[in-house]
Amino acid sequence: MNTSNSSKWFKLFWMFLKVNLLSPSGPASVGLLYKEAVGSIMTEERFVEAVGFSNVLPGSEALKLAMFVGYAAGGIPGVFTALLGAVLPPTVMMFIVALLLQQIQHESWLDGFVRGMSPAVAALIVLVAWELFKVGSTKSIGRRTILIAVLSAIALWFDVPSPLVLLGAGALGVILFR
């Protein structure tokens, strides 16, 4: 193993460790990962592709993104390096949280704390969605882009599974953006 690969894998490990330490929730971590990966490891278009495919496939979005970005950065060793960085923080945090919750589960302030975090998570998700919306419509936000967004929102409102909505939006994009 040469120094160049070691440096690249350490950078990849550190990126996912940092993202998962600072933003342990799946959707909220996408925005932070965007800032870390785009420009240094991959292009915006490639990142949007990674997010899209990670939503279509079953399983944890964070782990699928780690695999996609890890592979783009360093092949199979990059996949395992990114996965280690992505899995280590939540695993350690869950052990700590489980121990703490056993001690404070009957405290009255805990419900307020959780209810206070909910709007912040929603705001993070909206900001990430807006960034992805802007990237997905690189030329301009026109009627076709808005049509796809509105149809997707309607489908999601009626509980159509998100992978089907993404596949449908992609197929509609092929038709509308020839």
N, C-alpha and C. Protein backbone atom coordinates (compact mmCIF):
# COMPACT_ATOMS: atom_id res chain seq x y z
N MET A 1 0.85 -1.17 0.00
CA MET A 1 0.00 0.00 0.00
C MET A 1 0.89 1.23 0.00
N ASN A 2 0.71 2.11 -1.00
CA ASN A 2 1.57 3.29 -1.06
C ASN A 2 0.97 4.44 -0.26
N THR A 3 1.80 5.48 -0.07
CA THR A 3 1.40 6.61 0.76
C THR A 3 0.21 7.35 0.17
N SER A 4 0.14 7.43 -1.15
CA SER A 4 -0.96 8.13 -1.81
C SER A 4 -2.30 7.48 -1.48
N ASN A 5 -2.36 6.16 -1.57
CA ASN A 5 -3.60 5.45 -1.24
C ASN A 5 -3.92 5.58 0.24
N SER A 6 -2.92 5.48 1.09
CA SER A 6 -3.16 5.62 2.54
C SER A 6 -3.74 7.00 2.85
N SER A 7 -3.20 8.02 2.23
CA SER A 7 -3.70 9.38 2.44
C SER A 7 -5.13 9.52 1.94
N LYS A 8 -5.41 8.96 0.77
CA LYS A 8 -6.76 9.04 0.19
C LYS A 8 -7.75 8.30 1.08
N TRP A 9 -7.39 7.13 1.58
CA TRP A 9 -8.30 6.36 2.40
C TRP A 9 -8.50 7.01 3.76
N PHE A 10 -7.43 7.60 4.31
CA PHE A 10 -7.59 8.31 5.58
C PHE A 10 -8.53 9.50 5.39
N LYS A 11 -8.37 10.24 4.29
CA LYS A 11 -9.25 11.38 4.00
C LYS A 11 -10.69 10.92 3.88
N LEU A 12 -10.90 9.81 3.20
CA LEU A 12 -12.24 9.27 3.03
C LEU A 12 -12.82 8.82 4.37
N PHE A 13 -12.03 8.12 5.17
CA PHE A 13 -12.46 7.69 6.50
C PHE A 13 -12.82 8.90 7.36
N TRP A 14 -11.95 9.92 7.35
CA TRP A 14 -12.16 11.11 8.16
C TRP A 14 -13.42 11.85 7.71
N MET A 15 -13.66 11.91 6.39
CA MET A 15 -14.84 12.59 5.86
C MET A 15 -16.11 11.96 6.40
N PHE A 16 -16.21 10.63 6.33
CA PHE A 16 -17.43 9.97 6.80
C PHE A 16 -17.52 9.94 8.32
N LEU A 17 -16.39 9.86 8.98
CA LEU A 17 -16.40 9.93 10.45
C LEU A 17 -16.93 11.30 10.88
N LYS A 18 -16.42 12.36 10.25
CA LYS A 18 -16.84 13.71 10.59
C LYS A 18 -18.32 13.92 10.26
N VAL A 19 -18.75 13.52 9.08
CA VAL A 19 -20.15 13.70 8.68
C VAL A 19 -21.07 12.97 9.65
N ASN A 20 -20.71 11.76 10.03
CA ASN A 20 -21.57 10.98 10.90
C ASN A 20 -21.47 11.39 12.37
N LEU A 21 -20.40 12.08 12.75
CA LEU A 21 -20.32 12.63 14.10
C LEU A 21 -21.11 13.92 14.22
N LEU A 22 -21.05 14.75 13.18
CA LEU A 22 -21.71 16.05 13.22
C LEU A 22 -23.18 15.99 12.84
N SER A 23 -23.56 14.96 12.09
CA SER A 23 -24.94 14.87 11.63
C SER A 23 -25.36 13.41 11.58
N PRO A 24 -25.73 12.85 12.73
CA PRO A 24 -26.00 11.42 12.77
C PRO A 24 -27.28 10.96 12.07
N SER A 25 -28.16 11.88 11.65
CA SER A 25 -29.37 11.41 10.97
C SER A 25 -29.12 11.29 9.48
N GLY A 26 -29.74 10.32 8.84
CA GLY A 26 -29.53 10.04 7.43
C GLY A 26 -29.77 11.22 6.51
N PRO A 27 -31.01 11.74 6.44
CA PRO A 27 -31.29 12.84 5.51
C PRO A 27 -30.49 14.10 5.82
N ALA A 28 -30.31 14.41 7.08
CA ALA A 28 -29.58 15.62 7.43
C ALA A 28 -28.10 15.52 7.08
N SER A 29 -27.56 14.31 7.08
CA SER A 29 -26.14 14.14 6.76
C SER A 29 -25.85 14.35 5.29
N VAL A 30 -26.87 14.28 4.45
CA VAL A 30 -26.66 14.45 3.01
C VAL A 30 -26.11 15.85 2.71
N GLY A 31 -26.64 16.87 3.38
CA GLY A 31 -26.17 18.23 3.16
C GLY A 31 -24.71 18.40 3.56
N LEU A 32 -24.34 17.84 4.68
CA LEU A 32 -22.95 17.93 5.13
C LEU A 32 -22.04 17.12 4.21
N LEU A 33 -22.48 15.95 3.80
CA LEU A 33 -21.68 15.14 2.88
C LEU A 33 -21.52 15.86 1.54
N TYR A 34 -22.57 16.56 1.11
CA TYR A 34 -22.50 17.34 -0.12
C TYR A 34 -21.34 18.34 -0.03
N LYS A 35 -21.26 19.06 1.08
CA LYS A 35 -20.21 20.06 1.25
C LYS A 35 -18.82 19.42 1.30
N GLU A 36 -18.73 18.23 1.85
CA GLU A 36 -17.44 17.55 1.97
C GLU A 36 -16.98 16.87 0.68
N ALA A 37 -17.92 16.25 -0.03
CA ALA A 37 -17.54 15.41 -1.17
C ALA A 37 -17.50 16.15 -2.50
N VAL A 38 -18.44 17.06 -2.71
CA VAL A 38 -18.52 17.74 -4.02
C VAL A 38 -17.33 18.68 -4.16
N GLY A 39 -16.62 18.47 -5.23
CA GLY A 39 -15.44 19.28 -5.50
C GLY A 39 -14.15 18.59 -5.11
N SER A 40 -14.17 17.82 -4.04
CA SER A 40 -12.94 17.14 -3.63
C SER A 40 -12.88 15.69 -4.10
N ILE A 41 -14.05 15.04 -4.16
CA ILE A 41 -14.08 13.64 -4.58
C ILE A 41 -14.92 13.44 -5.83
N MET A 42 -16.00 14.19 -5.95
CA MET A 42 -16.90 14.00 -7.08
C MET A 42 -17.57 15.30 -7.49
N THR A 43 -18.17 15.29 -8.66
CA THR A 43 -18.88 16.46 -9.17
C THR A 43 -20.28 16.51 -8.55
N GLU A 44 -20.93 17.66 -8.71
CA GLU A 44 -22.30 17.79 -8.22
C GLU A 44 -23.23 16.80 -8.90
N GLU A 45 -23.05 16.65 -10.21
CA GLU A 45 -23.92 15.74 -10.96
C GLU A 45 -23.76 14.31 -10.45
N ARG A 46 -22.54 13.92 -10.18
CA ARG A 46 -22.28 12.56 -9.67
C ARG A 46 -22.88 12.38 -8.27
N PHE A 47 -22.82 13.45 -7.45
CA PHE A 47 -23.38 13.38 -6.12
C PHE A 47 -24.90 13.24 -6.18
N VAL A 48 -25.54 14.01 -7.05
CA VAL A 48 -26.99 13.91 -7.21
C VAL A 48 -27.35 12.50 -7.66
N GLU A 49 -26.55 11.95 -8.56
CA GLU A 49 -26.76 10.57 -9.01
C GLU A 49 -26.65 9.60 -7.83
N ALA A 50 -25.66 9.81 -6.98
CA ALA A 50 -25.47 8.95 -5.81
C ALA A 50 -26.66 9.03 -4.87
N VAL A 51 -27.15 10.25 -4.62
CA VAL A 51 -28.30 10.41 -3.72
C VAL A 51 -29.53 9.75 -4.34
N GLY A 52 -29.72 9.95 -5.63
CA GLY A 52 -30.87 9.33 -6.31
C GLY A 52 -30.84 7.83 -6.23
N PHE A 53 -29.70 7.23 -6.56
CA PHE A 53 -29.61 5.77 -6.49
C PHE A 53 -29.71 5.25 -5.07
N SER A 54 -29.18 6.00 -4.11
CA SER A 54 -29.26 5.53 -2.72
C SER A 54 -30.70 5.55 -2.22
N ASN A 55 -31.54 6.41 -2.79
CA ASN A 55 -32.95 6.43 -2.40
C ASN A 55 -33.76 5.34 -3.11
N VAL A 56 -33.31 4.92 -4.27
CA VAL A 56 -34.03 3.90 -5.03
C VAL A 56 -33.78 2.52 -4.43
N LEU A 57 -32.57 2.26 -4.00
CA LEU A 57 -32.21 0.95 -3.47
C LEU A 57 -32.66 0.81 -2.02
N PRO A 58 -33.00 -0.39 -1.59
CA PRO A 58 -33.41 -0.57 -0.20
C PRO A 58 -32.21 -0.49 0.76
N GLY A 59 -32.49 -0.10 1.98
CA GLY A 59 -31.46 -0.05 3.00
C GLY A 59 -31.16 1.37 3.46
N SER A 60 -30.16 1.49 4.30
CA SER A 60 -29.78 2.77 4.89
C SER A 60 -29.18 3.69 3.84
N GLU A 61 -29.75 4.89 3.74
CA GLU A 61 -29.26 5.88 2.77
C GLU A 61 -27.81 6.26 3.06
N ALA A 62 -27.48 6.46 4.32
CA ALA A 62 -26.12 6.86 4.70
C ALA A 62 -25.10 5.80 4.28
N LEU A 63 -25.43 4.54 4.48
CA LEU A 63 -24.48 3.49 4.11
C LEU A 63 -24.36 3.35 2.60
N LYS A 64 -25.46 3.50 1.90
CA LYS A 64 -25.40 3.41 0.43
C LYS A 64 -24.60 4.58 -0.13
N LEU A 65 -24.78 5.77 0.44
CA LEU A 65 -23.98 6.92 0.00
C LEU A 65 -22.50 6.70 0.30
N ALA A 66 -22.21 6.13 1.47
CA ALA A 66 -20.82 5.85 1.82
C ALA A 66 -20.20 4.89 0.80
N MET A 67 -20.95 3.88 0.42
CA MET A 67 -20.43 2.93 -0.56
C MET A 67 -20.22 3.59 -1.92
N PHE A 68 -21.17 4.40 -2.35
CA PHE A 68 -21.07 5.05 -3.65
C PHE A 68 -19.89 6.01 -3.68
N VAL A 69 -19.80 6.90 -2.68
CA VAL A 69 -18.71 7.87 -2.62
C VAL A 69 -17.37 7.16 -2.41
N GLY A 70 -17.36 6.16 -1.54
CA GLY A 70 -16.13 5.40 -1.30
C GLY A 70 -15.62 4.73 -2.56
N TYR A 71 -16.52 4.16 -3.33
CA TYR A 71 -16.11 3.51 -4.58
C TYR A 71 -15.60 4.54 -5.58
N ALA A 72 -16.27 5.69 -5.66
CA ALA A 72 -15.84 6.74 -6.59
C ALA A 72 -14.44 7.25 -6.21
N ALA A 73 -14.14 7.27 -4.92
CA ALA A 73 -12.86 7.81 -4.46
C ALA A 73 -11.73 6.79 -4.46
N GLY A 74 -12.05 5.53 -4.19
CA GLY A 74 -10.96 4.57 -4.03
C GLY A 74 -11.29 3.14 -4.32
N GLY A 75 -12.27 2.87 -5.15
CA GLY A 75 -12.60 1.49 -5.51
C GLY A 75 -13.11 0.70 -4.32
N ILE A 76 -12.87 -0.61 -4.34
CA ILE A 76 -13.36 -1.49 -3.28
C ILE A 76 -12.75 -1.12 -1.92
N PRO A 77 -11.43 -0.87 -1.82
CA PRO A 77 -10.91 -0.44 -0.51
C PRO A 77 -11.57 0.85 -0.03
N GLY A 78 -11.90 1.75 -0.96
CA GLY A 78 -12.58 2.99 -0.60
C GLY A 78 -13.96 2.73 -0.02
N VAL A 79 -14.66 1.71 -0.55
CA VAL A 79 -15.98 1.33 -0.03
C VAL A 79 -15.86 0.94 1.43
N PHE A 80 -14.91 0.06 1.74
CA PHE A 80 -14.77 -0.41 3.12
C PHE A 80 -14.29 0.70 4.05
N THR A 81 -13.42 1.58 3.55
CA THR A 81 -12.94 2.70 4.35
C THR A 81 -14.08 3.65 4.68
N ALA A 82 -14.89 4.00 3.68
CA ALA A 82 -16.02 4.91 3.89
C ALA A 82 -17.06 4.26 4.81
N LEU A 83 -17.31 2.97 4.62
CA LEU A 83 -18.28 2.28 5.48
C LEU A 83 -17.83 2.27 6.94
N LEU A 84 -16.54 2.05 7.17
CA LEU A 84 -16.03 2.07 8.53
C LEU A 84 -16.24 3.44 9.16
N GLY A 85 -15.92 4.50 8.41
CA GLY A 85 -16.14 5.85 8.91
C GLY A 85 -17.61 6.16 9.14
N ALA A 86 -18.49 5.56 8.32
CA ALA A 86 -19.92 5.81 8.44
C ALA A 86 -20.57 5.00 9.55
N VAL A 87 -20.08 3.81 9.82
CA VAL A 87 -20.70 2.91 10.80
C VAL A 87 -20.19 3.16 12.22
N LEU A 88 -18.95 3.52 12.35
CA LEU A 88 -18.35 3.67 13.68
C LEU A 88 -19.06 4.72 14.56
N PRO A 89 -19.28 5.95 14.09
CA PRO A 89 -19.93 6.93 14.98
C PRO A 89 -21.33 6.53 15.44
N PRO A 90 -22.24 6.11 14.53
CA PRO A 90 -23.57 5.78 15.04
C PRO A 90 -23.58 4.58 15.98
N THR A 91 -22.69 3.64 15.75
CA THR A 91 -22.63 2.47 16.61
C THR A 91 -22.21 2.86 18.03
N VAL A 92 -21.14 3.64 18.12
CA VAL A 92 -20.67 4.08 19.43
C VAL A 92 -21.71 4.98 20.09
N MET A 93 -22.29 5.89 19.28
CA MET A 93 -23.31 6.80 19.84
C MET A 93 -24.52 6.05 20.36
N MET A 94 -24.96 5.03 19.66
CA MET A 94 -26.13 4.27 20.12
C MET A 94 -25.86 3.55 21.43
N PHE A 95 -24.66 3.03 21.60
CA PHE A 95 -24.32 2.41 22.88
C PHE A 95 -24.37 3.45 24.00
N ILE A 96 -23.82 4.64 23.75
CA ILE A 96 -23.81 5.70 24.76
C ILE A 96 -25.23 6.18 25.05
N VAL A 97 -26.02 6.42 23.99
CA VAL A 97 -27.39 6.89 24.17
C VAL A 97 -28.23 5.87 24.94
N ALA A 98 -28.07 4.60 24.60
CA ALA A 98 -28.83 3.56 25.29
C ALA A 98 -28.49 3.55 26.79
N LEU A 99 -27.22 3.71 27.10
CA LEU A 99 -26.83 3.76 28.51
C LEU A 99 -27.41 4.99 29.21
N LEU A 100 -27.34 6.15 28.54
CA LEU A 100 -27.88 7.38 29.13
C LEU A 100 -29.39 7.33 29.28
N LEU A 101 -30.08 6.84 28.26
CA LEU A 101 -31.54 6.79 28.33
C LEU A 101 -32.03 5.88 29.45
N GLN A 102 -31.28 4.86 29.75
CA GLN A 102 -31.65 4.01 30.88
C GLN A 102 -31.64 4.82 32.18
N GLN A 103 -30.73 5.80 32.24
CA GLN A 103 -30.60 6.61 33.46
C GLN A 103 -31.62 7.75 33.53
N ILE A 104 -32.02 8.32 32.37
CA ILE A 104 -32.85 9.53 32.39
C ILE A 104 -34.22 9.34 31.75
N GLN A 105 -34.63 8.14 31.52
CA GLN A 105 -35.86 7.89 30.76
C GLN A 105 -37.11 8.49 31.40
N HIS A 106 -37.11 8.78 32.66
CA HIS A 106 -38.30 9.31 33.31
C HIS A 106 -38.20 10.81 33.60
N GLU A 107 -37.19 11.48 33.07
CA GLU A 107 -37.04 12.93 33.29
C GLU A 107 -38.05 13.69 32.43
N SER A 108 -38.64 14.74 32.98
CA SER A 108 -39.70 15.48 32.27
C SER A 108 -39.17 16.32 31.11
N TRP A 109 -37.93 16.77 31.15
CA TRP A 109 -37.39 17.64 30.11
C TRP A 109 -37.07 16.89 28.82
N LEU A 110 -36.98 15.57 28.87
CA LEU A 110 -36.58 14.78 27.71
C LEU A 110 -37.59 14.92 26.56
N ASP A 111 -38.89 14.93 26.86
CA ASP A 111 -39.91 15.08 25.82
C ASP A 111 -39.77 16.43 25.12
N GLY A 112 -39.56 17.48 25.86
CA GLY A 112 -39.38 18.81 25.28
C GLY A 112 -38.14 18.90 24.40
N PHE A 113 -37.08 18.22 24.82
CA PHE A 113 -35.85 18.21 24.04
C PHE A 113 -36.08 17.58 22.67
N VAL A 114 -36.73 16.44 22.67
CA VAL A 114 -37.00 15.74 21.41
C VAL A 114 -37.93 16.56 20.52
N ARG A 115 -38.97 17.15 21.12
CA ARG A 115 -39.90 17.97 20.35
C ARG A 115 -39.22 19.23 19.80
N GLY A 116 -38.24 19.74 20.50
CA GLY A 116 -37.49 20.91 20.03
C GLY A 116 -36.57 20.59 18.87
N MET A 117 -36.07 19.38 18.81
CA MET A 117 -35.18 18.99 17.71
C MET A 117 -35.93 18.77 16.40
N SER A 118 -37.17 18.37 16.46
CA SER A 118 -37.92 18.02 15.25
C SER A 118 -37.96 19.14 14.21
N PRO A 119 -38.26 20.39 14.57
CA PRO A 119 -38.27 21.44 13.54
C PRO A 119 -36.89 21.69 12.92
N ALA A 120 -35.83 21.52 13.70
CA ALA A 120 -34.49 21.72 13.16
C ALA A 120 -34.16 20.65 12.13
N VAL A 121 -34.53 19.43 12.39
CA VAL A 121 -34.31 18.35 11.42
C VAL A 121 -35.12 18.61 10.15
N ALA A 122 -36.36 19.06 10.31
CA ALA A 122 -37.19 19.37 9.15
C ALA A 122 -36.55 20.49 8.33
N ALA A 123 -36.01 21.51 8.98
CA ALA A 123 -35.36 22.61 8.27
C ALA A 123 -34.14 22.12 7.50
N LEU A 124 -33.36 21.23 8.09
CA LEU A 124 -32.20 20.67 7.40
C LEU A 124 -32.62 19.91 6.15
N ILE A 125 -33.67 19.14 6.27
CA ILE A 125 -34.15 18.36 5.13
C ILE A 125 -34.62 19.29 4.01
N VAL A 126 -35.33 20.37 4.36
CA VAL A 126 -35.80 21.33 3.36
C VAL A 126 -34.61 21.99 2.65
N LEU A 127 -33.59 22.38 3.40
CA LEU A 127 -32.41 23.01 2.79
C LEU A 127 -31.69 22.05 1.84
N VAL A 128 -31.54 20.81 2.23
CA VAL A 128 -30.90 19.82 1.36
C VAL A 128 -31.75 19.61 0.11
N ALA A 129 -33.06 19.53 0.28
CA ALA A 129 -33.94 19.36 -0.88
C ALA A 129 -33.80 20.53 -1.83
N TRP A 130 -33.73 21.73 -1.31
CA TRP A 130 -33.58 22.90 -2.17
C TRP A 130 -32.26 22.85 -2.94
N GLU A 131 -31.17 22.49 -2.26
CA GLU A 131 -29.86 22.37 -2.94
C GLU A 131 -29.92 21.33 -4.06
N LEU A 132 -30.52 20.19 -3.77
CA LEU A 132 -30.62 19.15 -4.80
C LEU A 132 -31.54 19.59 -5.93
N PHE A 133 -32.59 20.33 -5.62
CA PHE A 133 -33.51 20.85 -6.64
C PHE A 133 -32.76 21.80 -7.57
N LYS A 134 -31.92 22.67 -6.99
CA LYS A 134 -31.15 23.62 -7.81
C LYS A 134 -30.13 22.88 -8.68
N VAL A 135 -29.46 21.89 -8.12
CA VAL A 135 -28.45 21.13 -8.88
C VAL A 135 -29.12 20.33 -9.99
N GLY A 136 -30.29 19.75 -9.70
CA GLY A 136 -30.99 18.95 -10.70
C GLY A 136 -31.49 19.77 -11.87
N SER A 137 -31.60 21.06 -11.71
CA SER A 137 -32.05 21.92 -12.79
C SER A 137 -30.97 22.97 -13.05
N THR A 138 -29.81 22.49 -13.53
CA THR A 138 -28.63 23.34 -13.67
C THR A 138 -28.82 24.51 -14.62
N LYS A 139 -29.62 24.35 -15.67
CA LYS A 139 -29.79 25.46 -16.62
C LYS A 139 -30.72 26.51 -16.05
N SER A 140 -31.89 26.14 -15.66
CA SER A 140 -32.83 27.04 -15.02
C SER A 140 -33.99 26.21 -14.48
N ILE A 141 -34.67 26.78 -13.54
CA ILE A 141 -35.83 26.09 -12.99
C ILE A 141 -37.03 26.47 -13.85
N GLY A 142 -37.36 25.60 -14.80
CA GLY A 142 -38.43 25.87 -15.74
C GLY A 142 -39.68 25.10 -15.41
N ARG A 143 -40.63 25.19 -16.32
CA ARG A 143 -41.93 24.53 -16.11
C ARG A 143 -41.79 23.02 -16.01
N ARG A 144 -40.90 22.43 -16.79
CA ARG A 144 -40.75 20.97 -16.75
C ARG A 144 -40.22 20.51 -15.39
N THR A 145 -39.25 21.26 -14.86
CA THR A 145 -38.70 20.92 -13.55
C THR A 145 -39.76 21.04 -12.47
N ILE A 146 -40.52 22.11 -12.53
CA ILE A 146 -41.59 22.32 -11.54
C ILE A 146 -42.66 21.24 -11.69
N LEU A 147 -42.97 20.86 -12.92
CA LEU A 147 -43.96 19.80 -13.16
C LEU A 147 -43.52 18.49 -12.50
N ILE A 148 -42.26 18.13 -12.68
CA ILE A 148 -41.75 16.90 -12.07
C ILE A 148 -41.80 17.01 -10.54
N ALA A 149 -41.42 18.16 -10.01
CA ALA A 149 -41.46 18.35 -8.54
C ALA A 149 -42.88 18.24 -8.01
N VAL A 150 -43.83 18.87 -8.69
CA VAL A 150 -45.23 18.85 -8.24
C VAL A 150 -45.80 17.43 -8.33
N LEU A 151 -45.57 16.76 -9.46
CA LEU A 151 -46.07 15.39 -9.61
C LEU A 151 -45.44 14.45 -8.56
N SER A 152 -44.16 14.65 -8.28
CA SER A 152 -43.49 13.84 -7.26
C SER A 152 -44.09 14.10 -5.88
N ALA A 153 -44.34 15.38 -5.57
CA ALA A 153 -44.94 15.73 -4.27
C ALA A 153 -46.33 15.11 -4.13
N ILE A 154 -47.11 15.16 -5.21
CA ILE A 154 -48.46 14.57 -5.18
C ILE A 154 -48.37 13.07 -4.95
N ALA A 155 -47.47 12.42 -5.67
CA ALA A 155 -47.31 10.97 -5.51
C ALA A 155 -46.90 10.62 -4.09
N LEU A 156 -45.96 11.39 -3.53
CA LEU A 156 -45.52 11.14 -2.15
C LEU A 156 -46.65 11.41 -1.16
N TRP A 157 -47.46 12.42 -1.43
CA TRP A 157 -48.61 12.74 -0.57
C TRP A 157 -49.56 11.55 -0.49
N PHE A 158 -49.71 10.84 -1.62
CA PHE A 158 -50.60 9.68 -1.66
C PHE A 158 -49.87 8.37 -1.33
N ASP A 159 -48.76 8.49 -0.62
CA ASP A 159 -48.00 7.36 -0.08
C ASP A 159 -47.44 6.41 -1.13
N VAL A 160 -47.13 6.92 -2.33
CA VAL A 160 -46.42 6.11 -3.32
C VAL A 160 -44.99 5.95 -2.77
N PRO A 161 -44.45 4.74 -2.75
CA PRO A 161 -43.09 4.54 -2.20
C PRO A 161 -42.06 5.43 -2.92
N SER A 162 -41.17 6.03 -2.14
CA SER A 162 -40.20 6.97 -2.72
C SER A 162 -39.34 6.37 -3.82
N PRO A 163 -38.93 5.09 -3.76
CA PRO A 163 -38.17 4.56 -4.90
C PRO A 163 -38.97 4.60 -6.20
N LEU A 164 -40.29 4.33 -6.12
CA LEU A 164 -41.12 4.39 -7.33
C LEU A 164 -41.27 5.82 -7.83
N VAL A 165 -41.37 6.78 -6.90
CA VAL A 165 -41.46 8.18 -7.29
C VAL A 165 -40.17 8.61 -8.00
N LEU A 166 -39.03 8.20 -7.46
CA LEU A 166 -37.76 8.56 -8.09
C LEU A 166 -37.61 7.94 -9.46
N LEU A 167 -37.99 6.67 -9.59
CA LEU A 167 -37.93 6.03 -10.90
C LEU A 167 -38.87 6.70 -11.90
N GLY A 168 -40.06 7.04 -11.44
CA GLY A 168 -41.02 7.73 -12.30
C GLY A 168 -40.52 9.11 -12.70
N ALA A 169 -39.93 9.85 -11.76
CA ALA A 169 -39.39 11.18 -12.06
C ALA A 169 -38.23 11.07 -13.05
N GLY A 170 -37.40 10.05 -12.88
CA GLY A 170 -36.30 9.85 -13.82
C GLY A 170 -36.81 9.53 -15.22
N ALA A 171 -37.81 8.66 -15.30
CA ALA A 171 -38.40 8.32 -16.60
C ALA A 171 -39.05 9.56 -17.24
N LEU A 172 -39.75 10.33 -16.44
CA LEU A 172 -40.37 11.56 -16.95
C LEU A 172 -39.29 12.55 -17.41
N GLY A 173 -38.18 12.60 -16.67
CA GLY A 173 -37.06 13.46 -17.08
C GLY A 173 -36.48 13.06 -18.43
N VAL A 174 -36.41 11.74 -18.67
CA VAL A 174 -35.93 11.26 -19.98
C VAL A 174 -36.85 11.75 -21.07
N ILE A 175 -38.15 11.72 -20.83
CA ILE A 175 -39.13 12.14 -21.83
C ILE A 175 -39.10 13.67 -22.02
N LEU A 176 -39.09 14.40 -20.91
CA LEU A 176 -39.20 15.87 -20.99
C LEU A 176 -37.90 16.59 -21.35
N PHE A 177 -36.77 16.01 -21.02
CA PHE A 177 -35.49 16.69 -21.23
C PHE A 177 -34.64 16.08 -22.33
N ARG A 178 -35.26 15.62 -23.39
CA ARG A 178 -34.51 15.04 -24.51
C ARG A 178 -33.68 16.07 -25.20
